């Protein structure tokens, strides 16, 4: 059972993590690059943190409980803990390689490719927001809470795990936004991790969430509509 937090405590936690995430990501881009003259990194940071800040403000006013759930990071399922540990290594590669790529000129990604990839990234984030609006139990961790019900509206009418679809879009396009072909290689491995995470999560949902078996019959595809 998670300990309830006040709105002021929640704001302190959220703003603290927001600031630290910006500092850490900026450091992961600019230190390996050895320069601040890295426009793709600035584009990525703006595209990630400006919408994130807007969504944070909306949640503070309309659904702080959902925002509090999004702050929880501790997984309960052993298999999920293993998946997250592997994911951390992959995320480090995704976000560290582009800076070194920028410094040493390993890739030659055209500006239009980075901009087009950024448009796709923003579309992925829009899907993330639509998922939050449809499902106020869309936490970071795999667990079923008291009172939680199956959601079959919005993005959930087309795919069972739209949050993971948005994650896949954002992370696979991030290297191109950052101007690195080499970082695409670890980014693609995110798909395999999402598949493993979904397979385990669906076992938990079938076990603990009433009506999920019927929902699986109604919505066939787990991650990519028409594919899987």
Protein backbone atom coordinates (compact mmCIF):
# COMPACT_ATOMS: atom_id res chain seq x y z
CA UNK A 1 0.00 0.00 0.00
CA UNK A 2 1.41 3.34 -1.09
CA UNK A 3 1.40 6.13 1.51
CA UNK A 4 -0.87 9.02 0.40
CA UNK A 5 0.91 12.32 -0.25
CA UNK A 6 -0.39 15.87 -0.12
CA UNK A 7 -0.54 18.05 -3.24
CA UNK A 8 2.39 20.14 -1.99
CA UNK A 9 4.47 17.00 -1.41
CA UNK A 10 3.52 15.72 -4.84
CA UNK A 11 4.52 18.99 -6.50
CA UNK A 12 7.87 18.92 -4.70
CA UNK A 13 8.52 15.37 -5.90
CA UNK A 14 7.36 16.01 -9.47
CA UNK A 15 9.27 19.27 -9.94
CA UNK A 16 12.37 17.73 -8.40
CA UNK A 17 12.31 14.78 -10.78
CA UNK A 18 11.49 17.05 -13.71
CA UNK A 19 14.53 19.23 -13.00
CA UNK A 20 16.83 16.28 -12.41
CA UNK A 21 15.66 14.54 -15.58
CA UNK A 22 16.45 17.66 -17.60
CA UNK A 23 19.90 18.03 -16.05
CA UNK A 24 20.77 14.35 -16.48
CA UNK A 25 19.58 14.14 -20.07
CA UNK A 26 21.30 17.40 -21.02
CA UNK A 27 24.50 16.09 -19.48
CA UNK A 28 24.18 12.81 -21.38
CA UNK A 29 23.91 14.75 -24.65
CA UNK A 30 26.27 17.69 -24.31
CA UNK A 31 29.15 16.19 -22.30
CA UNK A 32 29.82 13.37 -24.81
CA UNK A 33 29.30 15.85 -27.66
CA UNK A 34 31.83 18.21 -26.09
CA UNK A 35 29.78 21.23 -27.19
CA UNK A 36 26.51 23.05 -26.62
CA UNK A 37 26.28 23.66 -30.38
CA UNK A 38 24.20 20.54 -30.87
CA UNK A 39 20.85 21.69 -32.23
CA UNK A 40 19.34 18.21 -32.42
CA UNK A 41 19.80 17.80 -28.65
CA UNK A 42 18.13 21.17 -27.99
CA UNK A 43 15.27 20.14 -30.30
CA UNK A 44 14.85 16.86 -28.45
CA UNK A 45 14.89 18.50 -25.02
CA UNK A 46 12.33 21.11 -26.06
CA UNK A 47 10.08 18.49 -27.66
CA UNK A 48 10.21 16.31 -24.55
CA UNK A 49 10.12 18.76 -21.64
CA UNK A 50 7.78 21.49 -22.88
CA UNK A 51 4.84 19.10 -23.51
CA UNK A 52 5.73 17.24 -20.31
CA UNK A 53 5.51 20.45 -18.29
CA UNK A 54 2.12 21.30 -19.82
CA UNK A 55 0.74 17.83 -19.06
CA UNK A 56 2.09 18.04 -15.50
CA UNK A 57 0.18 21.28 -14.91
CA UNK A 58 -3.01 19.76 -16.30
CA UNK A 59 -2.69 16.72 -14.04
CA UNK A 60 -1.99 18.85 -10.96
CA UNK A 61 -5.35 20.54 -11.51
CA UNK A 62 -7.46 17.68 -12.88
CA UNK A 63 -6.04 14.35 -11.69
CA UNK A 64 -3.21 14.55 -9.13
CA UNK A 65 -3.87 10.92 -8.16
CA UNK A 66 -2.87 9.80 -11.65
CA UNK A 67 0.26 11.94 -11.48
CA UNK A 68 1.11 10.37 -8.13
CA UNK A 69 0.75 6.92 -9.68
CA UNK A 70 3.12 7.96 -12.46
CA UNK A 71 5.72 8.81 -9.82
CA UNK A 72 5.83 5.25 -8.47
CA UNK A 73 8.86 3.38 -9.73
CA UNK A 74 9.10 0.25 -7.57
CA UNK A 75 7.98 -2.86 -9.43
CA UNK A 76 6.31 -5.67 -7.50
CA UNK A 77 6.74 -8.45 -10.05
CA UNK A 78 10.19 -10.12 -10.11
CA UNK A 79 10.16 -10.50 -13.91
CA UNK A 80 9.38 -6.82 -14.35
CA UNK A 81 12.31 -5.87 -12.11
CA UNK A 82 14.65 -7.84 -14.40
CA UNK A 83 13.19 -6.21 -17.51
CA UNK A 84 13.63 -2.72 -16.03
CA UNK A 85 17.26 -3.48 -15.10
CA UNK A 86 18.03 -4.41 -18.70
CA UNK A 87 16.08 -1.39 -19.97
CA UNK A 88 18.25 1.00 -17.95
CA UNK A 89 21.36 -0.19 -19.80
CA UNK A 90 19.63 0.21 -23.16
CA UNK A 91 18.39 3.69 -22.28
CA UNK A 92 21.95 4.72 -21.39
CA UNK A 93 23.15 3.56 -24.80
CA UNK A 94 20.30 5.32 -26.60
CA UNK A 95 21.06 8.66 -24.97
CA UNK A 96 24.84 8.51 -24.66
CA UNK A 97 25.75 7.32 -28.14
CA UNK A 98 24.31 10.35 -30.00
CA UNK A 99 26.61 12.78 -28.19
CA UNK A 100 29.70 10.76 -29.10
CA UNK A 101 28.29 10.41 -32.61
CA UNK A 102 28.04 14.21 -32.79
CA UNK A 103 31.60 14.64 -31.50
CA UNK A 104 33.23 12.12 -33.84
CA UNK A 105 30.94 12.44 -36.84
CA UNK A 106 29.99 8.80 -37.14
CA UNK A 107 26.58 9.54 -38.69
CA UNK A 108 25.38 11.99 -41.29
CA UNK A 109 21.68 12.33 -40.54
CA UNK A 110 20.05 15.02 -42.70
CA UNK A 111 18.27 17.82 -40.84
CA UNK A 112 14.96 16.92 -42.48
CA UNK A 113 15.21 13.38 -41.09
CA UNK A 114 15.72 14.70 -37.55
CA UNK A 115 12.81 17.10 -37.91
CA UNK A 116 10.52 14.45 -39.38
CA UNK A 117 11.49 12.04 -36.60
CA UNK A 118 10.70 14.78 -34.08
CA UNK A 119 7.20 15.12 -35.55
CA UNK A 120 6.78 11.36 -35.06
CA UNK A 121 8.09 11.64 -31.49
CA UNK A 122 5.51 14.33 -30.73
CA UNK A 123 2.82 12.08 -32.20
CA UNK A 124 4.01 9.34 -29.85
CA UNK A 125 3.72 11.74 -26.93
CA UNK A 126 0.21 12.71 -28.06
CA UNK A 127 -0.70 9.01 -27.89
CA UNK A 128 0.77 8.92 -24.37
CA UNK A 129 -1.48 11.83 -23.32
CA UNK A 130 -4.55 10.22 -24.93
CA UNK A 131 -3.78 7.05 -22.97
CA UNK A 132 -3.61 8.98 -19.70
CA UNK A 133 -6.96 10.63 -20.46
CA UNK A 134 -8.57 7.25 -21.17
CA UNK A 135 -7.07 5.37 -18.22
CA UNK A 136 -6.40 7.11 -14.92
CA UNK A 137 -4.77 3.90 -13.61
CA UNK A 138 -2.00 4.05 -16.23
CA UNK A 139 0.90 3.83 -13.79
CA UNK A 140 4.57 3.20 -14.58
CA UNK A 141 4.57 -0.05 -12.62
CA UNK A 142 2.69 -3.29 -13.26
CA UNK A 143 -0.02 -3.67 -10.62
CA UNK A 144 -3.79 -3.75 -10.27
CA UNK A 145 -5.25 -1.33 -7.73
CA UNK A 146 -8.46 -1.50 -5.73
CA UNK A 147 -11.35 -0.19 -7.81
CA UNK A 148 -9.48 -0.47 -11.11
CA UNK A 149 -11.60 -1.46 -14.10
CA UNK A 150 -10.86 -2.55 -17.66
CA UNK A 151 -10.66 0.40 -20.06
CA UNK A 152 -11.77 -0.22 -23.64
CA UNK A 153 -12.27 3.36 -24.91
CA UNK A 154 -9.91 5.77 -26.65
CA UNK A 155 -6.62 4.15 -27.73
CA UNK A 156 -7.60 1.00 -25.81
CA UNK A 157 -10.27 0.30 -28.41
CA UNK A 158 -7.53 -0.40 -30.95
CA UNK A 159 -4.60 -1.86 -29.00
CA UNK A 160 -4.38 -3.34 -25.50
CA UNK A 161 -1.23 -1.48 -24.48
CA UNK A 162 -1.21 1.99 -26.09
CA UNK A 163 1.16 3.33 -23.43
CA UNK A 164 3.83 0.89 -24.58
CA UNK A 165 3.12 1.75 -28.20
CA UNK A 166 3.81 5.41 -27.39
CA UNK A 167 7.00 4.34 -25.57
CA UNK A 168 8.13 2.36 -28.60
CA UNK A 169 7.52 5.30 -30.93
CA UNK A 170 9.32 7.79 -28.71
CA UNK A 171 12.40 5.68 -28.00
CA UNK A 172 12.91 4.29 -31.50
CA UNK A 173 12.70 7.77 -33.04
CA UNK A 174 14.83 9.52 -30.39
CA UNK A 175 18.20 8.57 -31.98
CA UNK A 176 17.14 10.09 -35.32
CA UNK A 177 15.95 13.27 -33.62
CA UNK A 178 19.38 13.39 -31.96
CA UNK A 179 21.14 12.86 -35.30
CA UNK A 180 22.54 9.38 -34.75
CA UNK A 181 22.07 6.26 -36.85
CA UNK A 182 24.21 4.18 -34.49
CA UNK A 183 21.92 4.75 -31.52
CA UNK A 184 19.03 3.29 -33.53
CA UNK A 185 20.52 -0.19 -32.93
CA UNK A 186 20.02 -0.26 -29.12
CA UNK A 187 16.74 1.65 -29.56
CA UNK A 188 15.27 -1.17 -31.63
CA UNK A 189 15.96 -3.64 -28.82
CA UNK A 190 13.39 -1.73 -26.76
CA UNK A 191 10.74 -3.52 -28.80
CA UNK A 192 11.85 -6.92 -27.49
CA UNK A 193 11.77 -5.60 -23.91
CA UNK A 194 8.27 -4.22 -24.41
CA UNK A 195 7.11 -7.59 -25.73
CA UNK A 196 8.53 -9.31 -22.63
CA UNK A 197 6.98 -6.69 -20.35
CA UNK A 198 3.57 -7.04 -21.99
CA UNK A 199 3.59 -10.85 -21.81
CA UNK A 200 4.23 -10.72 -18.05
CA UNK A 201 1.84 -7.82 -17.47
CA UNK A 202 -1.01 -9.65 -19.18
CA UNK A 203 -0.52 -12.59 -16.81
CA UNK A 204 -0.94 -10.15 -13.91
CA UNK A 205 -4.00 -8.51 -15.47
CA UNK A 206 -5.64 -11.86 -16.21
CA UNK A 207 -5.00 -12.89 -12.61
CA UNK A 208 -6.03 -9.69 -10.84
CA UNK A 209 -8.25 -7.55 -13.11
CA UNK A 210 -11.86 -8.74 -13.56
CA UNK A 211 -13.04 -8.59 -17.15
CA UNK A 212 -9.59 -8.53 -18.73
CA UNK A 213 -10.03 -11.94 -20.39
CA UNK A 214 -13.16 -10.66 -22.15
CA UNK A 215 -11.33 -7.50 -23.18
CA UNK A 216 -8.56 -9.62 -24.75
CA UNK A 217 -11.18 -11.33 -26.90
CA UNK A 218 -12.56 -7.94 -27.98
CA UNK A 219 -9.22 -6.24 -28.74
CA UNK A 220 -6.86 -8.72 -30.40
CA UNK A 221 -3.69 -6.68 -30.76
CA UNK A 222 -1.33 -6.05 -27.87
CA UNK A 223 1.20 -3.49 -29.12
CA UNK A 224 0.95 -2.71 -32.84
CA UNK A 225 -2.50 -2.68 -34.47
CA UNK A 226 -2.69 -5.27 -37.23
CA UNK A 227 0.70 -6.79 -36.32
CA UNK A 228 0.87 -8.05 -32.70
